[in-house]
Each structure stands twice: as C-alpha cells, then as structure tokens.
Protein backbone atom coordinates (compact mmCIF):
# COMPACT_ATOMS: atom_id res chain seq x y z
CA MET A 1 38.73 -36.79 111.54
CA GLY A 2 39.61 -33.73 113.65
CA SER A 3 38.66 -32.79 117.18
CA ARG A 4 35.45 -30.95 117.96
CA LEU A 5 35.02 -28.58 120.91
CA ARG A 6 31.63 -27.39 122.19
CA TRP A 7 30.59 -25.36 125.23
CA PHE A 8 27.45 -26.03 127.26
CA ARG A 9 25.72 -24.33 130.17
CA GLU A 10 24.19 -26.56 132.84
CA ARG A 11 21.05 -25.12 134.40
CA ASP A 12 18.77 -27.20 136.62
CA GLY A 13 20.38 -30.40 135.30
CA ILE A 14 19.69 -29.46 131.66
CA LEU A 15 22.52 -28.77 129.20
CA SER A 16 22.21 -25.95 126.67
CA ASP A 17 24.62 -25.50 123.78
CA LEU A 18 26.15 -22.03 124.18
CA LEU A 19 27.58 -21.52 120.76
CA VAL A 20 26.02 -21.47 117.35
CA LYS A 21 28.53 -20.61 114.59
CA GLY A 22 30.90 -19.15 117.19
CA ARG A 23 28.49 -16.70 118.81
CA SER A 24 25.41 -16.94 120.97
CA LYS A 25 23.51 -14.15 122.65
CA ARG A 26 21.56 -14.17 125.88
CA PRO A 27 17.76 -14.08 125.75
CA THR A 28 15.96 -11.07 124.31
CA GLY A 29 16.30 -7.90 126.36
CA ALA A 30 19.80 -8.73 127.61
CA GLY A 31 21.53 -6.16 125.37
CA ASN A 32 24.78 -6.65 123.47
CA VAL A 33 26.24 -9.26 125.75
CA GLY A 34 26.81 -12.93 125.24
CA TYR A 35 29.27 -15.72 124.75
CA THR A 36 31.98 -15.88 122.15
CA SER A 37 34.61 -18.46 121.34
CA GLN A 38 37.29 -19.15 118.81
CA ALA A 39 37.00 -22.86 118.15
CA PRO A 40 38.78 -24.76 119.39
CA GLY A 41 39.54 -22.49 122.29
CA PRO A 42 38.38 -20.56 125.30
CA ILE A 43 34.96 -19.07 125.79
CA LEU A 44 34.50 -15.42 126.74
CA LEU A 45 31.47 -14.36 128.77
CA THR A 46 31.03 -10.61 128.38
CA GLN A 47 29.35 -8.32 130.92
CA VAL A 48 28.49 -11.17 133.30
CA ARG A 49 25.44 -10.92 135.54
CA PRO A 50 24.44 -12.85 138.68
CA GLU A 51 22.23 -15.17 136.62
CA ASP A 52 25.34 -16.26 134.70
CA SER A 53 26.54 -18.04 137.86
CA GLY A 54 26.51 -21.79 137.50
CA PHE A 55 28.26 -24.62 135.72
CA TYR A 56 29.77 -24.56 132.25
CA ILE A 57 30.97 -27.64 130.40
CA CYS A 58 33.71 -27.86 127.81
CA HIS A 59 33.03 -30.92 125.65
CA LEU A 60 35.80 -32.16 123.39
CA ASN A 61 35.64 -35.23 121.19
CA ASN A 62 37.40 -36.90 118.29
CA SER A 63 37.04 -40.23 116.52
CA ILE A 64 38.44 -42.26 119.44
CA SER A 65 37.39 -40.50 122.66
CA GLN A 66 35.55 -37.65 124.33
CA ILE A 67 36.01 -35.63 127.50
CA ASP A 68 33.80 -33.21 129.45
CA VAL A 69 35.29 -30.68 131.85
CA ARG A 70 32.90 -28.91 134.24
CA ILE A 71 33.72 -25.36 135.38
CA SER A 72 31.95 -23.37 138.07
CA LEU A 73 31.34 -19.62 137.77
CA ASP A 74 30.25 -17.47 140.72
CA VAL A 75 29.29 -13.86 139.97
CA TYR A 76 29.46 -11.46 142.88
CA VAL A 77 27.68 -8.11 143.09
CA PRO A 78 29.35 -5.39 145.22
CA LEU A 79 27.62 -5.01 148.56
CA SER A 80 25.75 -1.84 149.41
CA VAL A 81 24.28 -1.11 152.84
CA GLN A 82 21.77 1.49 153.93
CA LEU A 83 21.10 1.90 157.65
CA SER A 84 18.03 3.68 158.97
CA PRO A 85 17.57 5.72 160.97
CA SER A 86 21.07 7.19 161.19
CA SER A 87 20.42 8.14 164.84
CA GLN A 88 17.57 7.66 167.29
CA ILE A 89 16.41 9.04 170.65
CA VAL A 90 14.19 6.80 172.76
CA ASP A 91 12.83 6.92 176.31
CA VAL A 92 14.17 4.47 178.90
CA GLY A 93 12.39 1.12 178.75
CA ARG A 94 11.29 1.63 175.14
CA SER A 95 12.58 -0.18 172.06
CA ALA A 96 15.04 1.15 169.51
CA ASN A 97 14.70 -0.30 166.03
CA PHE A 98 17.39 -0.07 163.34
CA ARG A 99 17.10 -1.43 159.81
CA CYS A 100 19.94 -2.68 157.65
CA LEU A 101 18.97 -2.77 153.96
CA VAL A 102 21.50 -4.76 151.96
CA SER A 103 21.84 -5.21 148.21
CA GLY A 104 24.42 -7.17 146.27
CA GLY A 105 25.81 -10.51 147.15
CA PRO A 106 25.97 -13.24 147.80
CA ILE A 107 25.54 -12.31 151.46
CA GLU A 108 27.16 -14.76 153.87
CA SER A 109 25.93 -13.15 157.09
CA ILE A 110 24.75 -9.92 158.69
CA SER A 111 26.01 -9.12 162.17
CA TRP A 112 25.27 -6.25 164.51
CA PHE A 113 27.82 -4.78 166.93
CA LYS A 114 27.60 -2.29 169.81
CA ASP A 115 30.83 -0.63 170.93
CA GLY A 116 32.84 -3.28 169.04
CA ASN A 117 31.05 -6.23 170.67
CA PRO A 118 28.69 -8.55 168.77
CA ILE A 119 25.00 -8.29 169.65
CA GLN A 120 23.10 -11.56 169.93
CA ASN A 121 19.48 -11.43 168.85
CA ASP A 122 16.76 -12.83 171.12
CA SER A 123 16.24 -16.02 169.10
CA ALA A 124 19.99 -16.85 169.12
CA SER A 125 20.38 -16.27 172.87
CA SER A 126 17.39 -18.44 173.75
CA SER A 127 18.74 -21.48 171.82
C-alpha cells in the first residue's frame, strides 16, 4: 500500500480537509482563489487574505505509520496611515487633538512623537 498525503486547515480547534480531488475553493464570494496541490506534494495558497492566517497541517500516512506536521501562516496587510488634521492652530491653554487612522496589519503599536521625542499619554504617565 502506498503513502497518502492530505492537507488540513485548523480553525478554532477544528480540522477541515483542504483538498478534494486536488483542488478546493474558498467559500462562495471569494472569487477564483483557493488551494491547489499535486499529491503527494506541496500546497499552493493563491491570493492569500488575512483570514487565511492560521495553522495548516500536512498529514501523511502509510500502512505502518502516520505523521502530522503543523505549519503556521501569518498574512500581513501593508500599513496605511491617515493623520488629521494636517495642521492646527489653537489658543494657549486649549487642547489640540490629532487623529491617526490606521489600516492594515497586524499593528504592533502606535506611538506619537514631538520633535523626535516620544510623547507619553496621560494614562501611561499616571501608572
């Protein structure tokens, strides 16, 4: 008896078989993207998206043994930042408020600087 290779996706502790007859597509509405493999061999994830991040398992077995290898995939989205307003004039003693709108990720941290020096927010300085 020959070896058999299968790929699984682990999501919330549940395994899903990725391949059916060598090709499996993502859920409806995902477009022409999916997973392909030449058995036995590597798997190709095309046009990955953030929700493809997670664990994948390569399961190989034959008549005398089996092995599972777990692989982690992290999908990053390029960061984009929009600051508003771009400049501000305020009277002495008043507050100036700037917003930093960030998309992409994952985002490890957001830091503010004034003249090259980090600014500590009120909650961090009172701890």
